[in-house]
N, C-alpha and C. Protein backbone atom coordinates (compact mmCIF):
# COMPACT_ATOMS: atom_id res chain seq x y z
N MET A 1 0.83 -1.19 0.00
CA MET A 1 0.00 0.00 0.00
C MET A 1 0.88 1.26 0.00
N ARG A 2 1.94 1.22 0.76
CA ARG A 2 2.83 2.38 0.85
C ARG A 2 3.48 2.70 -0.50
N ASP A 3 3.90 1.66 -1.24
CA ASP A 3 4.49 1.86 -2.56
C ASP A 3 3.48 2.51 -3.53
N HIS A 4 2.23 2.13 -3.37
CA HIS A 4 1.17 2.69 -4.21
C HIS A 4 1.06 4.20 -3.98
N HIS A 5 1.14 4.64 -2.74
CA HIS A 5 1.07 6.07 -2.41
C HIS A 5 2.28 6.82 -2.98
N TYR A 6 3.43 6.20 -2.90
CA TYR A 6 4.63 6.83 -3.47
C TYR A 6 4.51 6.96 -4.99
N ALA A 7 3.93 5.96 -5.62
CA ALA A 7 3.75 6.00 -7.07
C ALA A 7 2.79 7.12 -7.46
N ILE A 8 1.74 7.29 -6.70
CA ILE A 8 0.78 8.37 -6.96
C ILE A 8 1.45 9.73 -6.75
N ALA A 9 2.19 9.86 -5.67
CA ALA A 9 2.88 11.12 -5.38
C ALA A 9 3.89 11.45 -6.48
N ASP A 10 4.59 10.44 -6.97
CA ASP A 10 5.56 10.65 -8.04
C ASP A 10 4.87 11.09 -9.33
N ALA A 11 3.75 10.47 -9.65
CA ALA A 11 2.99 10.83 -10.85
C ALA A 11 2.47 12.27 -10.74
N LEU A 12 1.97 12.65 -9.59
CA LEU A 12 1.49 14.02 -9.38
C LEU A 12 2.63 15.03 -9.49
N ASP A 13 3.78 14.69 -8.97
CA ASP A 13 4.94 15.57 -9.04
C ASP A 13 5.35 15.79 -10.50
N LYS A 14 5.35 14.74 -11.29
CA LYS A 14 5.69 14.87 -12.71
C LYS A 14 4.66 15.73 -13.45
N LEU A 15 3.38 15.57 -13.10
CA LEU A 15 2.33 16.37 -13.72
C LEU A 15 2.52 17.85 -13.40
N VAL A 16 2.81 18.16 -12.16
CA VAL A 16 3.03 19.54 -11.75
C VAL A 16 4.24 20.13 -12.47
N GLN A 17 5.30 19.37 -12.59
CA GLN A 17 6.49 19.86 -13.29
C GLN A 17 6.19 20.11 -14.76
N THR A 18 5.39 19.26 -15.39
CA THR A 18 5.02 19.43 -16.79
C THR A 18 4.18 20.69 -16.95
N LYS A 19 3.21 20.89 -16.08
CA LYS A 19 2.35 22.08 -16.15
C LYS A 19 3.16 23.34 -15.91
N ALA A 20 4.16 23.28 -15.06
CA ALA A 20 4.99 24.45 -14.77
C ALA A 20 5.78 24.88 -16.00
N LYS A 21 6.09 23.93 -16.90
CA LYS A 21 6.84 24.24 -18.11
C LYS A 21 5.95 24.83 -19.20
N THR A 22 4.62 24.71 -19.05
CA THR A 22 3.69 25.23 -20.04
C THR A 22 3.72 26.75 -20.01
N VAL A 23 3.90 27.35 -21.17
CA VAL A 23 3.99 28.80 -21.28
C VAL A 23 2.61 29.36 -21.59
N THR A 24 2.20 30.35 -20.84
CA THR A 24 0.95 31.03 -21.11
C THR A 24 1.24 32.23 -22.00
N ARG A 25 0.57 32.30 -23.12
CA ARG A 25 0.79 33.39 -24.06
C ARG A 25 0.01 34.61 -23.59
N ASP A 26 0.62 35.76 -23.76
CA ASP A 26 0.01 37.00 -23.31
C ASP A 26 -0.41 37.83 -24.53
N TYR A 27 -1.50 37.40 -25.19
CA TYR A 27 -2.06 38.15 -26.29
C TYR A 27 -3.57 37.92 -26.32
N ASP A 28 -4.26 38.85 -26.96
CA ASP A 28 -5.72 38.78 -27.06
C ASP A 28 -6.09 38.77 -28.53
N VAL A 29 -6.56 37.64 -29.01
CA VAL A 29 -6.89 37.52 -30.44
C VAL A 29 -8.08 38.39 -30.82
N GLU A 30 -8.86 38.82 -29.84
CA GLU A 30 -10.00 39.69 -30.13
C GLU A 30 -9.57 41.12 -30.43
N LYS A 31 -8.32 41.46 -30.13
CA LYS A 31 -7.80 42.78 -30.46
C LYS A 31 -7.29 42.85 -31.90
N ILE A 32 -7.29 41.70 -32.57
CA ILE A 32 -6.87 41.62 -33.96
C ILE A 32 -8.11 41.79 -34.84
N ARG A 33 -7.99 42.57 -35.90
CA ARG A 33 -9.12 42.78 -36.83
C ARG A 33 -9.21 41.57 -37.76
N TRP A 34 -10.32 40.84 -37.67
CA TRP A 34 -10.54 39.64 -38.47
C TRP A 34 -11.54 39.97 -39.58
N ILE A 35 -11.21 39.57 -40.79
CA ILE A 35 -12.05 39.80 -41.97
C ILE A 35 -12.74 38.49 -42.32
N GLU A 36 -14.06 38.53 -42.49
CA GLU A 36 -14.82 37.33 -42.87
C GLU A 36 -14.50 36.98 -44.33
N LYS A 37 -14.18 35.71 -44.56
CA LYS A 37 -13.89 35.22 -45.92
C LYS A 37 -14.50 33.84 -46.07
N SER A 38 -14.47 33.35 -47.30
CA SER A 38 -14.95 32.00 -47.59
C SER A 38 -13.97 31.33 -48.53
N GLY A 39 -13.71 30.05 -48.27
CA GLY A 39 -12.78 29.30 -49.10
C GLY A 39 -13.37 27.96 -49.48
N PRO A 40 -12.58 27.08 -50.09
CA PRO A 40 -13.08 25.77 -50.52
C PRO A 40 -13.56 24.90 -49.36
N LYS A 41 -13.06 25.18 -48.15
CA LYS A 41 -13.46 24.39 -46.99
C LYS A 41 -14.48 25.13 -46.11
N GLY A 42 -15.02 26.22 -46.64
CA GLY A 42 -16.05 26.94 -45.92
C GLY A 42 -15.58 28.29 -45.40
N PRO A 43 -16.41 28.91 -44.55
CA PRO A 43 -16.09 30.24 -44.04
C PRO A 43 -14.94 30.22 -43.03
N PHE A 44 -14.20 31.32 -43.00
CA PHE A 44 -13.12 31.49 -42.04
C PHE A 44 -12.88 32.97 -41.85
N GLN A 45 -12.02 33.31 -40.93
CA GLN A 45 -11.65 34.71 -40.71
C GLN A 45 -10.17 34.87 -41.03
N PHE A 46 -9.82 36.06 -41.50
CA PHE A 46 -8.47 36.32 -41.98
C PHE A 46 -7.93 37.58 -41.33
N ALA A 47 -6.69 37.52 -40.85
CA ALA A 47 -5.99 38.70 -40.33
C ALA A 47 -4.89 39.06 -41.31
N ASP A 48 -4.99 40.25 -41.85
CA ASP A 48 -4.06 40.71 -42.89
C ASP A 48 -2.83 41.35 -42.24
N PRO A 49 -1.63 40.84 -42.55
CA PRO A 49 -0.42 41.41 -41.95
C PRO A 49 -0.16 42.86 -42.40
N LYS A 50 -0.75 43.27 -43.52
CA LYS A 50 -0.56 44.65 -43.98
C LYS A 50 -1.21 45.64 -43.04
N THR A 51 -2.34 45.27 -42.44
CA THR A 51 -3.03 46.18 -41.51
C THR A 51 -2.79 45.82 -40.04
N GLU A 52 -2.54 44.56 -39.77
CA GLU A 52 -2.41 44.08 -38.38
C GLU A 52 -0.98 43.78 -37.97
N GLY A 53 -0.07 43.73 -38.93
CA GLY A 53 1.30 43.27 -38.70
C GLY A 53 2.10 44.03 -37.65
N THR A 54 1.75 45.26 -37.37
CA THR A 54 2.50 46.03 -36.38
C THR A 54 1.91 45.92 -34.97
N LYS A 55 0.76 45.30 -34.85
CA LYS A 55 0.10 45.18 -33.54
C LYS A 55 0.75 44.08 -32.71
N PRO A 56 0.99 44.34 -31.43
CA PRO A 56 1.65 43.36 -30.56
C PRO A 56 0.89 42.03 -30.46
N ASP A 57 -0.45 42.07 -30.45
CA ASP A 57 -1.22 40.82 -30.35
C ASP A 57 -1.06 39.96 -31.60
N PHE A 58 -1.02 40.60 -32.77
CA PHE A 58 -0.80 39.87 -34.02
C PHE A 58 0.59 39.24 -34.02
N LYS A 59 1.58 40.02 -33.64
CA LYS A 59 2.96 39.52 -33.61
C LYS A 59 3.10 38.34 -32.64
N ALA A 60 2.46 38.44 -31.47
CA ALA A 60 2.56 37.37 -30.47
C ALA A 60 1.86 36.11 -30.97
N LEU A 61 0.69 36.26 -31.61
CA LEU A 61 0.00 35.10 -32.18
C LEU A 61 0.84 34.47 -33.28
N LEU A 62 1.43 35.28 -34.14
CA LEU A 62 2.28 34.77 -35.21
C LEU A 62 3.47 34.00 -34.65
N THR A 63 4.09 34.52 -33.60
CA THR A 63 5.21 33.83 -32.95
C THR A 63 4.75 32.50 -32.38
N ASP A 64 3.58 32.49 -31.72
CA ASP A 64 3.03 31.26 -31.15
C ASP A 64 2.76 30.23 -32.25
N LEU A 65 2.19 30.68 -33.35
CA LEU A 65 1.93 29.78 -34.47
C LEU A 65 3.22 29.19 -35.04
N LYS A 66 4.23 30.02 -35.18
CA LYS A 66 5.52 29.54 -35.71
C LYS A 66 6.12 28.49 -34.78
N GLU A 67 5.93 28.66 -33.47
CA GLU A 67 6.45 27.69 -32.50
C GLU A 67 5.66 26.37 -32.55
N HIS A 68 4.48 26.41 -33.16
CA HIS A 68 3.64 25.21 -33.28
C HIS A 68 3.50 24.78 -34.74
N ASN A 69 4.54 24.99 -35.52
CA ASN A 69 4.59 24.57 -36.93
C ASN A 69 3.47 25.16 -37.77
N GLY A 70 3.05 26.37 -37.44
CA GLY A 70 2.08 27.08 -38.27
C GLY A 70 0.64 26.75 -38.03
N ARG A 71 0.34 25.89 -37.04
CA ARG A 71 -1.05 25.50 -36.75
C ARG A 71 -1.24 25.43 -35.25
N LEU A 72 -2.46 25.82 -34.82
CA LEU A 72 -2.71 25.88 -33.38
C LEU A 72 -4.21 25.84 -33.12
N ARG A 73 -4.60 25.06 -32.11
CA ARG A 73 -5.99 25.05 -31.61
C ARG A 73 -5.99 25.75 -30.27
N GLN A 74 -6.94 26.68 -30.14
CA GLN A 74 -6.97 27.45 -28.90
C GLN A 74 -8.34 28.12 -28.77
N GLY A 75 -8.96 28.01 -27.60
CA GLY A 75 -10.22 28.69 -27.34
C GLY A 75 -11.34 28.35 -28.30
N GLY A 76 -11.41 27.09 -28.74
CA GLY A 76 -12.46 26.67 -29.66
C GLY A 76 -12.22 27.07 -31.11
N MET A 77 -11.02 27.58 -31.39
CA MET A 77 -10.69 28.01 -32.75
C MET A 77 -9.44 27.27 -33.24
N PHE A 78 -9.36 27.12 -34.55
CA PHE A 78 -8.17 26.58 -35.20
C PHE A 78 -7.52 27.74 -35.95
N TYR A 79 -6.24 27.97 -35.68
CA TYR A 79 -5.48 29.06 -36.31
C TYR A 79 -4.39 28.47 -37.20
N TRP A 80 -4.09 29.16 -38.29
CA TRP A 80 -3.01 28.71 -39.17
C TRP A 80 -2.39 29.91 -39.87
N ILE A 81 -1.16 29.71 -40.34
CA ILE A 81 -0.46 30.72 -41.13
C ILE A 81 -0.64 30.34 -42.60
N PHE A 82 -1.01 31.32 -43.40
CA PHE A 82 -1.13 31.08 -44.83
C PHE A 82 0.26 30.93 -45.45
N PRO A 83 0.37 30.21 -46.58
CA PRO A 83 1.66 30.06 -47.25
C PRO A 83 2.29 31.42 -47.56
N ASP A 84 3.57 31.47 -47.53
CA ASP A 84 4.35 32.69 -47.80
C ASP A 84 4.02 33.81 -46.81
N ALA A 85 3.59 33.43 -45.61
CA ALA A 85 3.26 34.39 -44.54
C ALA A 85 2.29 35.47 -45.02
N ALA A 86 1.31 35.05 -45.82
CA ALA A 86 0.34 35.99 -46.39
C ALA A 86 -0.77 36.35 -45.41
N GLY A 87 -0.67 35.93 -44.18
CA GLY A 87 -1.68 36.27 -43.18
C GLY A 87 -1.96 35.09 -42.26
N ILE A 88 -2.89 35.32 -41.34
CA ILE A 88 -3.30 34.29 -40.39
C ILE A 88 -4.79 34.04 -40.60
N GLY A 89 -5.15 32.77 -40.62
CA GLY A 89 -6.56 32.39 -40.74
C GLY A 89 -7.02 31.74 -39.45
N ARG A 90 -8.34 31.78 -39.23
CA ARG A 90 -8.92 31.07 -38.09
C ARG A 90 -10.34 30.65 -38.43
N LYS A 91 -10.75 29.53 -37.84
CA LYS A 91 -12.12 29.07 -37.99
C LYS A 91 -12.53 28.32 -36.73
N ILE A 92 -13.82 28.21 -36.53
CA ILE A 92 -14.34 27.51 -35.37
C ILE A 92 -14.08 26.02 -35.51
N VAL A 93 -13.64 25.40 -34.43
CA VAL A 93 -13.41 23.96 -34.41
C VAL A 93 -14.72 23.29 -34.05
N LYS A 94 -15.12 22.34 -34.88
CA LYS A 94 -16.38 21.64 -34.63
C LYS A 94 -16.15 20.33 -33.93
């Protein structure tokens, strides 16, 4: 029984250490101007780097996307970088 408690404590310790390494991003995607568009896979929203590229929230989201190979799920949305860095797209995850 005692070994079982140590195993649980060890597992909890590893979980806490893993969560401590998780980085919380400090940006608000609602501060980015999203343009409604439609593509072959349906409707989506688009953030244009020409108008949004200087905003800190856009830059932080772009950095986060690059750290996740250009794709990210967050807050019920799927975000991606368009080819040739032509902007950021997002759509609701179903």
